[in-house]
């Protein structure tokens, strides 16, 4: 079995994600962690630490002679109630190949000249309802889907204020349609 999630590259070759991305539907120990960067580069990683709350810190394992990782401009910050924040993640519905490379939404066709699609993040703009519990009330964007767990919640200064952990939904019992949802995150202050 495999899980898919989103992560945030921090300094020193570390990646922050939601802890359940590594453990949900998995029996036994995690055997392999593949990280696919937005440029398509696939890297191996191992679990560095897991928190009591739903977060995990991974360490990228570079092969001998591999190019160094870029330094990350991400800084941890804190949210305040009522401020606007942006959450984004990469949906897993596009899938990954056996080599860990992201499969495109649409494969290109050289004969017709149609281009392949690249994986782009889905965005949600929200208002912070509770800074301590890190819940967001969405204002615009897409309803989060599988694979977006572990995605960053950034404030207007670009500081990481949370890591997305779950979505609470209210649905219409007759149609099954989502009427309202909230984004639940682990506050960056919980990551030590």
Foldseek 3Di string as FASTA:
>chain_A
DAAAAFWDQAFPQKTKFFQCSQPPPDDDHRDWDWDQDLVQDIWTWDWDDQFPGGMTMIHTDDDPPDDDDDHDPAAADFDDAFFKKKWKFWACVQDADPVRGGHFPAPADVVVGRHTHGTDIWMWIFGAHDRQQGKTFTDDTDDDDGNHGQTFIAGPVRYGFWTWHDKDFDADPVPRHTPGMMTTTHTPVSPD
